Amino acid sequence: MTSKELMYLEDALGHETFFRTKLKETLGLLQDETLRDCVAQMEQQHQHIFTDLYGLL
């Protein structure tokens, strides 16, 4: 893997971490159960993406 590809993965991992952090914060603010379920599902998807990207290293 080239250094440029590693830099891309590092950047992508940072974005996924940011997304998950914001989604978790949003979960704490929501009261509507339907919205909470939707945001929780999005957080799980971003966790999966993070895990897949991390696995490339």
PDB file of N, CA and C in Angstrom:
ATOM      1  N   MET A   1       0.848  -1.164   0.000  1.00  0.00           N
ATOM      2  CA  MET A   1       0.000   0.000   0.000  1.00  0.00           C
ATOM      3  C   MET A   1       0.902   1.239   0.000  1.00  0.00           C
ATOM      4  N   THR A   2       0.569   2.185  -0.850  1.00  0.00           N
ATOM      5  CA  THR A   2       1.389   3.397  -0.952  1.00  0.00           C
ATOM      6  C   THR A   2       1.090   4.337   0.214  1.00  0.00           C
ATOM      7  N   SER A   3       1.976   5.287   0.420  1.00  0.00           N
ATOM      8  CA  SER A   3       1.767   6.258   1.493  1.00  0.00           C
ATOM      9  C   SER A   3       0.528   7.108   1.217  1.00  0.00           C
ATOM     10  N   LYS A   4       0.253   7.372  -0.048  1.00  0.00           N
ATOM     11  CA  LYS A   4      -0.941   8.153  -0.396  1.00  0.00           C
ATOM     12  C   LYS A   4      -2.208   7.372  -0.048  1.00  0.00           C
ATOM     13  N   GLU A   5      -2.204   6.079  -0.308  1.00  0.00           N
ATOM     14  CA  GLU A   5      -3.354   5.235   0.034  1.00  0.00           C
ATOM     15  C   GLU A   5      -3.533   5.159   1.551  1.00  0.00           C
ATOM     16  N   LEU A   6      -2.434   5.073   2.277  1.00  0.00           N
ATOM     17  CA  LEU A   6      -2.517   5.049   3.745  1.00  0.00           C
ATOM     18  C   LEU A   6      -3.079   6.359   4.278  1.00  0.00           C
ATOM     19  N   MET A   7      -2.682   7.470   3.663  1.00  0.00           N
ATOM     20  CA  MET A   7      -3.196   8.781   4.074  1.00  0.00           C
ATOM     21  C   MET A   7      -4.703   8.855   3.804  1.00  0.00           C
ATOM     22  N   TYR A   8      -5.146   8.289   2.678  1.00  0.00           N
ATOM     23  CA  TYR A   8      -6.568   8.271   2.374  1.00  0.00           C
ATOM     24  C   TYR A   8      -7.328   7.472   3.425  1.00  0.00           C
ATOM     25  N   LEU A   9      -6.811   6.300   3.784  1.00  0.00           N
ATOM     26  CA  LEU A   9      -7.471   5.473   4.794  1.00  0.00           C
ATOM     27  C   LEU A   9      -7.520   6.179   6.147  1.00  0.00           C
ATOM     28  N   GLU A  10      -6.441   6.837   6.508  1.00  0.00           N
ATOM     29  CA  GLU A  10      -6.409   7.575   7.773  1.00  0.00           C
ATOM     30  C   GLU A  10      -7.475   8.673   7.771  1.00  0.00           C
ATOM     31  N   ASP A  11      -7.585   9.375   6.661  1.00  0.00           N
ATOM     32  CA  ASP A  11      -8.588  10.425   6.530  1.00  0.00           C
ATOM     33  C   ASP A  11      -9.998   9.841   6.602  1.00  0.00           C
ATOM     34  N   ALA A  12     -10.231   8.742   5.903  1.00  0.00           N
ATOM     35  CA  ALA A  12     -11.546   8.099   5.899  1.00  0.00           C
ATOM     36  C   ALA A  12     -11.909   7.599   7.295  1.00  0.00           C
ATOM     37  N   LEU A  13     -10.949   7.032   8.020  1.00  0.00           N
ATOM     38  CA  LEU A  13     -11.201   6.577   9.389  1.00  0.00           C
ATOM     39  C   LEU A  13     -11.578   7.756  10.286  1.00  0.00           C
ATOM     40  N   GLY A  14     -10.908   8.876  10.085  1.00  0.00           N
ATOM     41  CA  GLY A  14     -11.230  10.077  10.859  1.00  0.00           C
ATOM     42  C   GLY A  14     -12.642  10.567  10.585  1.00  0.00           C
ATOM     43  N   HIS A  15     -13.047  10.521   9.319  1.00  0.00           N
ATOM     44  CA  HIS A  15     -14.408  10.934   8.969  1.00  0.00           C
ATOM     45  C   HIS A  15     -15.445  10.005   9.598  1.00  0.00           C
ATOM     46  N   GLU A  16     -15.195   8.718   9.534  1.00  0.00           N
ATOM     47  CA  GLU A  16     -16.135   7.759  10.121  1.00  0.00           C
ATOM     48  C   GLU A  16     -16.232   7.944  11.630  1.00  0.00           C
ATOM     49  N   THR A  17     -15.119   8.215  12.279  1.00  0.00           N
ATOM     50  CA  THR A  17     -15.130   8.476  13.721  1.00  0.00           C
ATOM     51  C   THR A  17     -15.950   9.723  14.033  1.00  0.00           C
ATOM     52  N   PHE A  18     -15.765  10.763  13.229  1.00  0.00           N
ATOM     53  CA  PHE A  18     -16.521  11.999  13.414  1.00  0.00           C
ATOM     54  C   PHE A  18     -18.020  11.748  13.238  1.00  0.00           C
ATOM     55  N   PHE A  19     -18.389  11.032  12.170  1.00  0.00           N
ATOM     56  CA  PHE A  19     -19.800  10.735  11.922  1.00  0.00           C
ATOM     57  C   PHE A  19     -20.414   9.991  13.102  1.00  0.00           C
ATOM     58  N   ARG A  20     -19.705   8.971  13.580  1.00  0.00           N
ATOM     59  CA  ARG A  20     -20.227   8.174  14.685  1.00  0.00           C
ATOM     60  C   ARG A  20     -20.375   9.014  15.955  1.00  0.00           C
ATOM     61  N   THR A  21     -19.422   9.885  16.215  1.00  0.00           N
ATOM     62  CA  THR A  21     -19.495  10.758  17.388  1.00  0.00           C
ATOM     63  C   THR A  21     -20.724  11.652  17.318  1.00  0.00           C
ATOM     64  N   LYS A  22     -20.949  12.261  16.166  1.00  0.00           N
ATOM     65  CA  LYS A  22     -22.102  13.146  15.996  1.00  0.00           C
ATOM     66  C   LYS A  22     -23.422  12.385  16.079  1.00  0.00           C
ATOM     67  N   LEU A  23     -23.445  11.183  15.536  1.00  0.00           N
ATOM     68  CA  LEU A  23     -24.662  10.375  15.614  1.00  0.00           C
ATOM     69  C   LEU A  23     -24.970   9.981  17.059  1.00  0.00           C
ATOM     70  N   LYS A  24     -23.939   9.634  17.819  1.00  0.00           N
ATOM     71  CA  LYS A  24     -24.135   9.288  19.231  1.00  0.00           C
ATOM     72  C   LYS A  24     -24.639  10.493  20.015  1.00  0.00           C
ATOM     73  N   GLU A  25     -24.093  11.685  19.719  1.00  0.00           N
ATOM     74  CA  GLU A  25     -24.565  12.904  20.376  1.00  0.00           C
ATOM     75  C   GLU A  25     -26.033  13.148  20.047  1.00  0.00           C
ATOM     76  N   THR A  26     -26.391  12.936  18.792  1.00  0.00           N
ATOM     77  CA  THR A  26     -27.764  13.146  18.358  1.00  0.00           C
ATOM     78  C   THR A  26     -28.712  12.174  19.043  1.00  0.00           C
ATOM     79  N   LEU A  27     -28.268  10.935  19.210  1.00  0.00           N
ATOM     80  CA  LEU A  27     -29.101   9.939  19.908  1.00  0.00           C
ATOM     81  C   LEU A  27     -29.478  10.419  21.306  1.00  0.00           C
ATOM     82  N   GLY A  28     -28.549  11.083  21.954  1.00  0.00           N
ATOM     83  CA  GLY A  28     -28.807  11.572  23.304  1.00  0.00           C
ATOM     84  C   GLY A  28     -29.820  12.703  23.357  1.00  0.00           C
ATOM     85  N   LEU A  29     -30.061  13.338  22.216  1.00  0.00           N
ATOM     86  CA  LEU A  29     -30.974  14.478  22.173  1.00  0.00           C
ATOM     87  C   LEU A  29     -32.375  14.114  21.690  1.00  0.00           C
ATOM     88  N   LEU A  30     -32.488  13.007  20.999  1.00  0.00           N
ATOM     89  CA  LEU A  30     -33.766  12.642  20.397  1.00  0.00           C
ATOM     90  C   LEU A  30     -34.696  11.958  21.393  1.00  0.00           C
ATOM     91  N   GLN A  31     -35.970  12.275  21.273  1.00  0.00           N
ATOM     92  CA  GLN A  31     -36.973  11.624  22.109  1.00  0.00           C
ATOM     93  C   GLN A  31     -37.882  10.730  21.284  1.00  0.00           C
ATOM     94  N   ASP A  32     -38.040  11.040  20.025  1.00  0.00           N
ATOM     95  CA  ASP A  32     -38.897  10.241  19.145  1.00  0.00           C
ATOM     96  C   ASP A  32     -38.228   8.895  18.874  1.00  0.00           C
ATOM     97  N   GLU A  33     -38.927   7.815  19.202  1.00  0.00           N
ATOM     98  CA  GLU A  33     -38.355   6.470  19.092  1.00  0.00           C
ATOM     99  C   GLU A  33     -38.014   6.102  17.649  1.00  0.00           C
ATOM    100  N   THR A  34     -38.830   6.529  16.703  1.00  0.00           N
ATOM    101  CA  THR A  34     -38.577   6.223  15.290  1.00  0.00           C
ATOM    102  C   THR A  34     -37.292   6.884  14.820  1.00  0.00           C
ATOM    103  N   LEU A  35     -37.107   8.142  15.189  1.00  0.00           N
ATOM    104  CA  LEU A  35     -35.872   8.847  14.815  1.00  0.00           C
ATOM    105  C   LEU A  35     -34.663   8.240  15.519  1.00  0.00           C
ATOM    106  N   ARG A  36     -34.848   7.875  16.773  1.00  0.00           N
ATOM    107  CA  ARG A  36     -33.741   7.248  17.507  1.00  0.00           C
ATOM    108  C   ARG A  36     -33.312   5.947  16.826  1.00  0.00           C
ATOM    109  N   ASP A  37     -34.275   5.143  16.397  1.00  0.00           N
ATOM    110  CA  ASP A  37     -33.957   3.892  15.709  1.00  0.00           C
ATOM    111  C   ASP A  37     -33.202   4.153  14.413  1.00  0.00           C
ATOM    112  N   CYS A  38     -33.639   5.169  13.680  1.00  0.00           N
ATOM    113  CA  CYS A  38     -32.996   5.515  12.412  1.00  0.00           C
ATOM    114  C   CYS A  38     -31.550   5.959  12.637  1.00  0.00           C
ATOM    115  N   VAL A  39     -31.343   6.830  13.613  1.00  0.00           N
ATOM    116  CA  VAL A  39     -29.999   7.324  13.903  1.00  0.00           C
ATOM    117  C   VAL A  39     -29.128   6.202  14.448  1.00  0.00           C
ATOM    118  N   ALA A  40     -29.680   5.328  15.258  1.00  0.00           N
ATOM    119  CA  ALA A  40     -28.914   4.191  15.787  1.00  0.00           C
ATOM    120  C   ALA A  40     -28.480   3.273  14.653  1.00  0.00           C
ATOM    121  N   GLN A  41     -29.358   3.069  13.685  1.00  0.00           N
ATOM    122  CA  GLN A  41     -29.008   2.244  12.532  1.00  0.00           C
ATOM    123  C   GLN A  41     -27.885   2.903  11.716  1.00  0.00           C
ATOM    124  N   MET A  42     -27.953   4.213  11.555  1.00  0.00           N
ATOM    125  CA  MET A  42     -26.901   4.924  10.832  1.00  0.00           C
ATOM    126  C   MET A  42     -25.566   4.799  11.561  1.00  0.00           C
ATOM    127  N   GLU A  43     -25.604   4.884  12.900  1.00  0.00           N
ATOM    128  CA  GLU A  43     -24.378   4.755  13.690  1.00  0.00           C
ATOM    129  C   GLU A  43     -23.779   3.362  13.513  1.00  0.00           C
ATOM    130  N   GLN A  44     -24.619   2.347  13.480  1.00  0.00           N
ATOM    131  CA  GLN A  44     -24.139   0.978  13.277  1.00  0.00           C
ATOM    132  C   GLN A  44     -23.520   0.812  11.890  1.00  0.00           C
ATOM    133  N   GLN A  45     -24.111   1.442  10.898  1.00  0.00           N
ATOM    134  CA  GLN A  45     -23.572   1.368   9.541  1.00  0.00           C
ATOM    135  C   GLN A  45     -22.191   2.014   9.475  1.00  0.00           C
ATOM    136  N   HIS A  46     -22.040   3.159  10.138  1.00  0.00           N
ATOM    137  CA  HIS A  46     -20.738   3.820  10.130  1.00  0.00           C
ATOM    138  C   HIS A  46     -19.708   3.037  10.940  1.00  0.00           C
ATOM    139  N   GLN A  47     -20.149   2.327  11.979  1.00  0.00           N
ATOM    140  CA  GLN A  47     -19.240   1.443  12.719  1.00  0.00           C
ATOM    141  C   GLN A  47     -18.755   0.322  11.808  1.00  0.00           C
ATOM    142  N   HIS A  48     -19.660  -0.221  11.024  1.00  0.00           N
ATOM    143  CA  HIS A  48     -19.306  -1.288  10.089  1.00  0.00           C
ATOM    144  C   HIS A  48     -18.311  -0.775   9.040  1.00  0.00           C
ATOM    145  N   ILE A  49     -18.554   0.400   8.513  1.00  0.00           N
ATOM    146  CA  ILE A  49     -17.646   0.993   7.530  1.00  0.00           C
ATOM    147  C   ILE A  49     -16.270   1.211   8.158  1.00  0.00           C
ATOM    148  N   PHE A  50     -16.247   1.749   9.384  1.00  0.00           N
ATOM    149  CA  PHE A  50     -14.980   1.970  10.083  1.00  0.00           C
ATOM    150  C   PHE A  50     -14.218   0.652  10.236  1.00  0.00           C
ATOM    151  N   THR A  51     -14.924  -0.391  10.667  1.00  0.00           N
ATOM    152  CA  THR A  51     -14.291  -1.697  10.870  1.00  0.00           C
ATOM    153  C   THR A  51     -13.720  -2.242   9.561  1.00  0.00           C
ATOM    154  N   ASP A  52     -14.486  -2.088   8.494  1.00  0.00           N
ATOM    155  CA  ASP A  52     -14.013  -2.563   7.178  1.00  0.00           C
ATOM    156  C   ASP A  52     -12.777  -1.788   6.729  1.00  0.00           C
ATOM    157  N   LEU A  53     -12.797  -0.475   6.883  1.00  0.00           N
ATOM    158  CA  LEU A  53     -11.626   0.322   6.497  1.00  0.00           C
ATOM    159  C   LEU A  53     -10.414  -0.034   7.351  1.00  0.00           C
ATOM    160  N   TYR A  54     -10.644  -0.166   8.660  1.00  0.00           N
ATOM    161  CA  TYR A  54      -9.545  -0.503   9.566  1.00  0.00           C
ATOM    162  C   TYR A  54      -8.953  -1.863   9.217  1.00  0.00           C
ATOM    163  N   GLY A  55      -9.801  -2.761   8.759  1.00  0.00           N
ATOM    164  CA  GLY A  55      -9.344  -4.089   8.367  1.00  0.00           C
ATOM    165  C   GLY A  55      -8.402  -4.059   7.166  1.00  0.00           C
ATOM    166  N   LEU A  56      -8.466  -3.019   6.382  1.00  0.00           N
ATOM    167  CA  LEU A  56      -7.567  -2.901   5.238  1.00  0.00           C
ATOM    168  C   LEU A  56      -6.122  -2.621   5.649  1.00  0.00           C
ATOM    169  N   LEU A  57      -5.976  -2.109   6.865  1.00  0.00           N
ATOM    170  CA  LEU A  57      -4.624  -1.821   7.355  1.00  0.00           C
ATOM    171  C   LEU A  57      -4.021  -3.093   7.836  1.00  0.00           C
TER     172      LEU A  57
END
